[in-house]
């Protein structure tokens, strides 16, 4: 292909594109974009969207009201996590430690305490009965009694060694009972 032929082709390209654009612009009709596309009045789309939004809002309101009623009446069942899931979250704290008075110590101890209490609830709800986890449940009850259900940062730091000790003791016990968390 010579340079002269290439130049003519390059010059013809804008003309060709312009012809296509002119052809496209003539597709407008009073019925909408073209005869093969059904015409829907803009007001019909807005009405349908508005009706759908109202139905969605009403369904959300009903679901919220039902959840509030169930929570208020005490019928909303809040089942604890399965033992394996609660134990897994406790294991996520195994490498965590802190120094009392340090910035994040209250957070770390609070997290360990929450995981221990969640594991206790799971063990008590276990299908084989709470007696299946007799030792860990007893250790957790002793910890709760010692802490007097006070989860303030000062009290958590005061019971730091008991929190970490109970966590580690339960971890060791559970490792000896893999059938309970696998």
C-alpha atoms as a PDB file:
ATOM      1  CA  UNK A   1       0.000   0.000   0.000  1.00  0.00           C
ATOM      2  CA  UNK A   2       1.469   3.306  -1.016  1.00  0.00           C
ATOM      3  CA  UNK A   3       1.547   6.420   1.132  1.00  0.00           C
ATOM      4  CA  UNK A   4      -0.817   8.143  -1.299  1.00  0.00           C
ATOM      5  CA  UNK A   5      -3.447   5.364  -0.949  1.00  0.00           C
ATOM      6  CA  UNK A   6      -3.088   5.421   2.812  1.00  0.00           C
ATOM      7  CA  UNK A   7      -3.648   9.194   2.901  1.00  0.00           C
ATOM      8  CA  UNK A   8      -6.842   8.875   0.824  1.00  0.00           C
ATOM      9  CA  UNK A   9      -8.149   6.146   3.144  1.00  0.00           C
ATOM     10  CA  UNK A  10      -7.356   8.286   6.185  1.00  0.00           C
ATOM     11  CA  UNK A  11      -9.182  11.262   4.656  1.00  0.00           C
ATOM     12  CA  UNK A  12     -12.219   9.127   3.784  1.00  0.00           C
ATOM     13  CA  UNK A  13     -12.543   7.752   7.310  1.00  0.00           C
ATOM     14  CA  UNK A  14     -14.102  10.899   8.867  1.00  0.00           C
ATOM     15  CA  UNK A  15     -16.562  11.110   5.983  1.00  0.00           C
ATOM     16  CA  UNK A  16     -17.578   7.509   6.472  1.00  0.00           C
ATOM     17  CA  UNK A  17     -18.037   7.970  10.236  1.00  0.00           C
ATOM     18  CA  UNK A  18     -20.070  11.135   9.642  1.00  0.00           C
ATOM     19  CA  UNK A  19     -22.386   9.243   7.295  1.00  0.00           C
ATOM     20  CA  UNK A  20     -23.014   6.620   9.973  1.00  0.00           C
ATOM     21  CA  UNK A  21     -23.764   9.269  12.570  1.00  0.00           C
ATOM     22  CA  UNK A  22     -26.226  11.048  10.277  1.00  0.00           C
ATOM     23  CA  UNK A  23     -27.929   7.712   9.653  1.00  0.00           C
ATOM     24  CA  UNK A  24     -28.216   7.089  13.405  1.00  0.00           C
ATOM     25  CA  UNK A  25     -29.646  10.481  14.173  1.00  0.00           C
ATOM     26  CA  UNK A  26     -32.524   9.921  11.776  1.00  0.00           C
ATOM     27  CA  UNK A  27     -33.826   7.012  13.909  1.00  0.00           C
ATOM     28  CA  UNK A  28     -35.736   9.308  16.274  1.00  0.00           C
ATOM     29  CA  UNK A  29     -39.511   9.104  15.905  1.00  0.00           C
ATOM     30  CA  UNK A  30     -42.448  10.339  17.889  1.00  0.00           C
ATOM     31  CA  UNK A  31     -42.837   6.831  19.276  1.00  0.00           C
ATOM     32  CA  UNK A  32     -39.357   6.734  20.834  1.00  0.00           C
ATOM     33  CA  UNK A  33     -36.042   5.321  19.727  1.00  0.00           C
ATOM     34  CA  UNK A  34     -37.310   3.192  16.841  1.00  0.00           C
ATOM     35  CA  UNK A  35     -40.202   1.107  15.617  1.00  0.00           C
ATOM     36  CA  UNK A  36     -38.656  -2.155  16.867  1.00  0.00           C
ATOM     37  CA  UNK A  37     -38.334  -0.876  20.461  1.00  0.00           C
ATOM     38  CA  UNK A  38     -41.594  -0.587  22.409  1.00  0.00           C
ATOM     39  CA  UNK A  39     -42.393   2.881  23.685  1.00  0.00           C
ATOM     40  CA  UNK A  40     -42.891   3.309  27.426  1.00  0.00           C
ATOM     41  CA  UNK A  41     -43.958   6.698  28.652  1.00  0.00           C
ATOM     42  CA  UNK A  42     -41.582   8.216  31.239  1.00  0.00           C
ATOM     43  CA  UNK A  43     -44.447   8.645  33.691  1.00  0.00           C
ATOM     44  CA  UNK A  44     -45.121   4.876  33.614  1.00  0.00           C
ATOM     45  CA  UNK A  45     -41.476   4.156  34.574  1.00  0.00           C
ATOM     46  CA  UNK A  46     -41.608   6.674  37.407  1.00  0.00           C
ATOM     47  CA  UNK A  47     -44.903   5.274  38.702  1.00  0.00           C
ATOM     48  CA  UNK A  48     -43.590   1.701  38.627  1.00  0.00           C
ATOM     49  CA  UNK A  49     -40.358   2.707  40.389  1.00  0.00           C
ATOM     50  CA  UNK A  50     -42.290   4.639  43.007  1.00  0.00           C
ATOM     51  CA  UNK A  51     -44.646   1.705  43.618  1.00  0.00           C
ATOM     52  CA  UNK A  52     -41.687  -0.694  43.965  1.00  0.00           C
ATOM     53  CA  UNK A  53     -39.927   1.655  46.400  1.00  0.00           C
ATOM     54  CA  UNK A  54     -43.091   1.924  48.513  1.00  0.00           C
ATOM     55  CA  UNK A  55     -43.492  -1.854  48.609  1.00  0.00           C
ATOM     56  CA  UNK A  56     -39.828  -2.281  49.587  1.00  0.00           C
ATOM     57  CA  UNK A  57     -40.098   0.342  52.348  1.00  0.00           C
ATOM     58  CA  UNK A  58     -43.286  -1.277  53.652  1.00  0.00           C
ATOM     59  CA  UNK A  59     -41.640  -4.726  53.734  1.00  0.00           C
ATOM     60  CA  UNK A  60     -38.624  -3.293  55.598  1.00  0.00           C
ATOM     61  CA  UNK A  61     -40.906  -1.590  58.122  1.00  0.00           C
ATOM     62  CA  UNK A  62     -42.853  -4.815  58.703  1.00  0.00           C
ATOM     63  CA  UNK A  63     -39.653  -6.833  59.183  1.00  0.00           C
ATOM     64  CA  UNK A  64     -38.270  -4.271  61.651  1.00  0.00           C
ATOM     65  CA  UNK A  65     -41.534  -4.201  63.588  1.00  0.00           C
ATOM     66  CA  UNK A  66     -41.642  -7.997  63.745  1.00  0.00           C
ATOM     67  CA  UNK A  67     -38.039  -8.161  65.005  1.00  0.00           C
ATOM     68  CA  UNK A  68     -38.729  -5.496  67.646  1.00  0.00           C
ATOM     69  CA  UNK A  69     -41.888  -7.301  68.799  1.00  0.00           C
ATOM     70  CA  UNK A  70     -40.040 -10.611  69.023  1.00  0.00           C
ATOM     71  CA  UNK A  71     -37.166  -9.049  70.961  1.00  0.00           C
ATOM     72  CA  UNK A  72     -39.549  -7.254  73.324  1.00  0.00           C
ATOM     73  CA  UNK A  73     -41.561 -10.404  73.994  1.00  0.00           C
ATOM     74  CA  UNK A  74     -38.458 -12.528  74.466  1.00  0.00           C
ATOM     75  CA  UNK A  75     -39.346 -14.892  71.627  1.00  0.00           C
ATOM     76  CA  UNK A  76     -36.329 -13.959  69.543  1.00  0.00           C
ATOM     77  CA  UNK A  77     -34.096 -16.971  69.985  1.00  0.00           C
ATOM     78  CA  UNK A  78     -30.469 -16.005  70.277  1.00  0.00           C
ATOM     79  CA  UNK A  79     -28.648 -19.266  70.086  1.00  0.00           C
ATOM     80  CA  UNK A  80     -24.992 -19.273  71.023  1.00  0.00           C
ATOM     81  CA  UNK A  81     -22.410 -20.237  68.468  1.00  0.00           C
ATOM     82  CA  UNK A  82     -21.470 -23.875  68.137  1.00  0.00           C
ATOM     83  CA  UNK A  83     -18.643 -24.934  70.440  1.00  0.00           C
ATOM     84  CA  UNK A  84     -16.196 -25.314  67.553  1.00  0.00           C
ATOM     85  CA  UNK A  85     -16.906 -21.753  66.358  1.00  0.00           C
ATOM     86  CA  UNK A  86     -16.679 -20.265  69.844  1.00  0.00           C
ATOM     87  CA  UNK A  87     -13.461 -22.172  70.481  1.00  0.00           C
ATOM     88  CA  UNK A  88     -12.005 -20.939  67.176  1.00  0.00           C
ATOM     89  CA  UNK A  89     -12.630 -17.321  68.181  1.00  0.00           C
ATOM     90  CA  UNK A  90     -11.001 -17.984  71.549  1.00  0.00           C
ATOM     91  CA  UNK A  91      -7.993 -19.528  69.821  1.00  0.00           C
ATOM     92  CA  UNK A  92      -7.611 -16.327  67.825  1.00  0.00           C
ATOM     93  CA  UNK A  93      -6.607 -14.654  71.106  1.00  0.00           C
ATOM     94  CA  UNK A  94      -3.924 -17.210  72.061  1.00  0.00           C
ATOM     95  CA  UNK A  95      -0.975 -15.041  71.053  1.00  0.00           C
ATOM     96  CA  UNK A  96      -2.468 -11.906  72.572  1.00  0.00           C
ATOM     97  CA  UNK A  97      -1.161 -10.585  75.833  1.00  0.00           C
ATOM     98  CA  UNK A  98      -0.774  -7.179  77.366  1.00  0.00           C
ATOM     99  CA  UNK A  99       0.697  -5.197  80.198  1.00  0.00           C
ATOM    100  CA  UNK A 100      -1.800  -3.646  82.599  1.00  0.00           C
ATOM    101  CA  UNK A 101      -1.988   0.094  82.090  1.00  0.00           C
ATOM    102  CA  UNK A 102      -0.799  -0.156  78.495  1.00  0.00           C
ATOM    103  CA  UNK A 103      -3.002   1.446  75.846  1.00  0.00           C
ATOM    104  CA  UNK A 104      -4.802  -1.577  74.404  1.00  0.00           C
ATOM    105  CA  UNK A 105      -4.728  -3.838  77.446  1.00  0.00           C
ATOM    106  CA  UNK A 106      -8.358  -3.169  78.328  1.00  0.00           C
ATOM    107  CA  UNK A 107      -9.386  -4.062  74.790  1.00  0.00           C
ATOM    108  CA  UNK A 108      -7.356  -7.291  74.730  1.00  0.00           C
ATOM    109  CA  UNK A 109      -8.635  -8.423  78.128  1.00  0.00           C
ATOM    110  CA  UNK A 110     -12.202  -7.492  77.217  1.00  0.00           C
ATOM    111  CA  UNK A 111     -11.913  -9.519  74.033  1.00  0.00           C
ATOM    112  CA  UNK A 112     -10.541 -12.562  75.879  1.00  0.00           C
ATOM    113  CA  UNK A 113     -13.323 -12.247  78.476  1.00  0.00           C
ATOM    114  CA  UNK A 114     -16.001 -11.978  75.766  1.00  0.00           C
ATOM    115  CA  UNK A 115     -14.627 -15.036  73.969  1.00  0.00           C
ATOM    116  CA  UNK A 116     -14.507 -17.041  77.199  1.00  0.00           C
ATOM    117  CA  UNK A 117     -18.093 -16.133  78.114  1.00  0.00           C
ATOM    118  CA  UNK A 118     -19.247 -16.937  74.568  1.00  0.00           C
ATOM    119  CA  UNK A 119     -17.542 -20.319  74.775  1.00  0.00           C
ATOM    120  CA  UNK A 120     -19.220 -20.971  78.124  1.00  0.00           C
ATOM    121  CA  UNK A 121     -22.650 -20.221  76.623  1.00  0.00           C
ATOM    122  CA  UNK A 122     -21.884 -22.550  73.713  1.00  0.00           C
ATOM    123  CA  UNK A 123     -20.767 -25.323  76.033  1.00  0.00           C
ATOM    124  CA  UNK A 124     -23.898 -24.979  78.158  1.00  0.00           C
ATOM    125  CA  UNK A 125     -26.090 -25.144  75.024  1.00  0.00           C
ATOM    126  CA  UNK A 126     -24.247 -28.196  73.644  1.00  0.00           C
ATOM    127  CA  UNK A 127     -26.674 -30.963  72.583  1.00  0.00           C
ATOM    128  CA  UNK A 128     -24.983 -33.515  74.859  1.00  0.00           C
ATOM    129  CA  UNK A 129     -25.648 -31.233  77.824  1.00  0.00           C
ATOM    130  CA  UNK A 130     -23.451 -28.897  79.859  1.00  0.00           C
ATOM    131  CA  UNK A 131     -22.064 -31.879  81.765  1.00  0.00           C
ATOM    132  CA  UNK A 132     -20.138 -32.807  78.637  1.00  0.00           C
ATOM    133  CA  UNK A 133     -17.823 -29.835  79.288  1.00  0.00           C
ATOM    134  CA  UNK A 134     -17.850 -30.134  83.073  1.00  0.00           C
ATOM    135  CA  UNK A 135     -14.283 -28.959  83.763  1.00  0.00           C
ATOM    136  CA  UNK A 136     -14.145 -25.968  81.381  1.00  0.00           C
ATOM    137  CA  UNK A 137     -17.593 -24.775  82.494  1.00  0.00           C
ATOM    138  CA  UNK A 138     -16.454 -24.989  86.135  1.00  0.00           C
ATOM    139  CA  UNK A 139     -13.295 -22.978  85.366  1.00  0.00           C
ATOM    140  CA  UNK A 140     -15.359 -20.345  83.582  1.00  0.00           C
ATOM    141  CA  UNK A 141     -17.849 -20.165  86.460  1.00  0.00           C
ATOM    142  CA  UNK A 142     -14.977 -19.677  88.912  1.00  0.00           C
ATOM    143  CA  UNK A 143     -13.561 -16.891  86.743  1.00  0.00           C
ATOM    144  CA  UNK A 144     -16.960 -15.193  86.494  1.00  0.00           C
ATOM    145  CA  UNK A 145     -17.418 -15.447  90.282  1.00  0.00           C
ATOM    146  CA  UNK A 146     -13.947 -14.043  90.891  1.00  0.00           C
ATOM    147  CA  UNK A 147     -14.577 -11.123  88.547  1.00  0.00           C
ATOM    148  CA  UNK A 148     -18.092 -10.544  89.964  1.00  0.00           C
ATOM    149  CA  UNK A 149     -19.342  -9.835  86.423  1.00  0.00           C
ATOM    150  CA  UNK A 150     -17.406  -6.540  86.454  1.00  0.00           C
ATOM    151  CA  UNK A 151     -15.924  -5.982  82.994  1.00  0.00           C
ATOM    152  CA  UNK A 152     -14.440  -2.569  83.671  1.00  0.00           C
ATOM    153  CA  UNK A 153     -10.889  -2.108  82.459  1.00  0.00           C
ATOM    154  CA  UNK A 154      -9.595  -1.867  86.034  1.00  0.00           C
ATOM    155  CA  UNK A 155     -11.229  -5.157  87.006  1.00  0.00           C
ATOM    156  CA  UNK A 156     -10.143  -6.893  83.807  1.00  0.00           C
ATOM    157  CA  UNK A 157      -6.551  -5.796  84.458  1.00  0.00           C
ATOM    158  CA  UNK A 158      -6.841  -6.932  88.094  1.00  0.00           C
ATOM    159  CA  UNK A 159      -7.869 -10.415  86.854  1.00  0.00           C
ATOM    160  CA  UNK A 160      -5.471 -10.458  83.913  1.00  0.00           C
ATOM    161  CA  UNK A 161      -3.597 -13.601  84.972  1.00  0.00           C
ATOM    162  CA  UNK A 162      -6.879 -15.447  85.661  1.00  0.00           C
ATOM    163  CA  UNK A 163      -8.274 -14.471  82.233  1.00  0.00           C
ATOM    164  CA  UNK A 164      -5.182 -15.599  80.355  1.00  0.00           C
ATOM    165  CA  UNK A 165      -4.772 -18.654  82.593  1.00  0.00           C
ATOM    166  CA  UNK A 166      -8.366 -19.787  82.030  1.00  0.00           C
ATOM    167  CA  UNK A 167      -8.040 -19.194  78.291  1.00  0.00           C
ATOM    168  CA  UNK A 168      -4.834 -21.253  78.114  1.00  0.00           C
ATOM    169  CA  UNK A 169      -6.192 -23.999  80.389  1.00  0.00           C
ATOM    170  CA  UNK A 170      -9.327 -24.365  78.233  1.00  0.00           C
ATOM    171  CA  UNK A 171      -7.210 -24.414  75.084  1.00  0.00           C
ATOM    172  CA  UNK A 172      -5.114 -27.265  76.493  1.00  0.00           C
ATOM    173  CA  UNK A 173      -8.242 -29.151  77.586  1.00  0.00           C
ATOM    174  CA  UNK A 174      -9.913 -28.721  74.185  1.00  0.00           C
ATOM    175  CA  UNK A 175      -6.771 -29.874  72.378  1.00  0.00           C
ATOM    176  CA  UNK A 176      -7.130 -33.126  74.321  1.00  0.00           C
ATOM    177  CA  UNK A 177     -10.780 -33.417  73.159  1.00  0.00           C
ATOM    178  CA  UNK A 178     -10.621 -32.755  69.386  1.00  0.00           C
ATOM    179  CA  UNK A 179     -13.941 -34.520  68.785  1.00  0.00           C
ATOM    180  CA  UNK A 180     -15.638 -31.591  70.536  1.00  0.00           C
ATOM    181  CA  UNK A 181     -14.496 -28.903  68.136  1.00  0.00           C
ATOM    182  CA  UNK A 182     -13.928 -30.509  64.761  1.00  0.00           C
END
